[in-house]
Amino acid sequence: MLFGSGIRLFKSVDAGRVALEQVGAEPTQRVTHLTYAVRER
């Protein structure tokens, strides 16, 4: 989930055709950096 009022990066992605697979998570004291790979459904 992305919070804020910025640019919607994934609004044109067809969720029925692609899926995001989490490949990494790096927590710090203030944020967690998540890395995803795009996969076909």
C-alpha atoms as a PDB file:
ATOM      1  CA  MET A   1       0.000   0.000   0.000  1.00  0.00           C
ATOM      2  CA  LEU A   2       1.323   3.414  -0.891  1.00  0.00           C
ATOM      3  CA  PHE A   3       0.184   6.449   1.065  1.00  0.00           C
ATOM      4  CA  GLY A   4       0.103  10.026  -0.085  1.00  0.00           C
ATOM      5  CA  SER A   5      -1.320  12.172  -2.834  1.00  0.00           C
ATOM      6  CA  GLY A   6       1.394  11.721  -5.460  1.00  0.00           C
ATOM      7  CA  ILE A   7       1.347  10.145  -8.911  1.00  0.00           C
ATOM      8  CA  ARG A   8      -0.409   6.788  -9.185  1.00  0.00           C
ATOM      9  CA  LEU A   9       2.346   4.579 -10.584  1.00  0.00           C
ATOM     10  CA  PHE A  10       0.263   1.450 -11.235  1.00  0.00           C
ATOM     11  CA  LYS A  11      -3.153   2.814 -12.275  1.00  0.00           C
ATOM     12  CA  SER A  12      -2.825   1.506 -15.858  1.00  0.00           C
ATOM     13  CA  VAL A  13      -1.679  -1.998 -14.843  1.00  0.00           C
ATOM     14  CA  ASP A  14      -4.174  -4.757 -15.656  1.00  0.00           C
ATOM     15  CA  ALA A  15      -4.271  -6.666 -12.352  1.00  0.00           C
ATOM     16  CA  GLY A  16      -5.890  -9.627 -14.120  1.00  0.00           C
ATOM     17  CA  ARG A  17      -2.757 -10.119 -16.244  1.00  0.00           C
ATOM     18  CA  VAL A  18       0.089  -9.418 -13.832  1.00  0.00           C
ATOM     19  CA  ALA A  19       0.932 -10.137 -10.210  1.00  0.00           C
ATOM     20  CA  LEU A  20       3.551  -8.742  -7.873  1.00  0.00           C
ATOM     21  CA  GLU A  21       5.743 -11.253  -6.042  1.00  0.00           C
ATOM     22  CA  GLN A  22       7.618  -9.948  -3.027  1.00  0.00           C
ATOM     23  CA  VAL A  23      11.304 -10.809  -3.341  1.00  0.00           C
ATOM     24  CA  GLY A  24      12.767  -8.724  -0.541  1.00  0.00           C
ATOM     25  CA  ALA A  25      12.063  -6.733   2.598  1.00  0.00           C
ATOM     26  CA  GLU A  26      14.621  -4.562   4.360  1.00  0.00           C
ATOM     27  CA  PRO A  27      13.334  -2.976   7.567  1.00  0.00           C
ATOM     28  CA  THR A  28      15.015   0.059   9.096  1.00  0.00           C
ATOM     29  CA  GLN A  29      14.099   2.135  12.149  1.00  0.00           C
ATOM     30  CA  ARG A  30      11.794   4.434  10.167  1.00  0.00           C
ATOM     31  CA  VAL A  31      10.732   2.611   6.972  1.00  0.00           C
ATOM     32  CA  THR A  32      10.647  -0.794   5.355  1.00  0.00           C
ATOM     33  CA  HIS A  33      11.974  -1.089   1.808  1.00  0.00           C
ATOM     34  CA  LEU A  34      10.041  -3.685  -0.200  1.00  0.00           C
ATOM     35  CA  THR A  35      11.195  -5.165  -3.514  1.00  0.00           C
ATOM     36  CA  TYR A  36       8.791  -6.891  -5.908  1.00  0.00           C
ATOM     37  CA  ALA A  37       9.088  -8.801  -9.171  1.00  0.00           C
ATOM     38  CA  VAL A  38       6.343  -8.546 -11.793  1.00  0.00           C
ATOM     39  CA  ARG A  39       4.957 -11.936 -12.877  1.00  0.00           C
ATOM     40  CA  GLU A  40       2.345 -12.972 -15.442  1.00  0.00           C
ATOM     41  CA  ARG A  41      -0.831 -14.577 -14.100  1.00  0.00           C
END
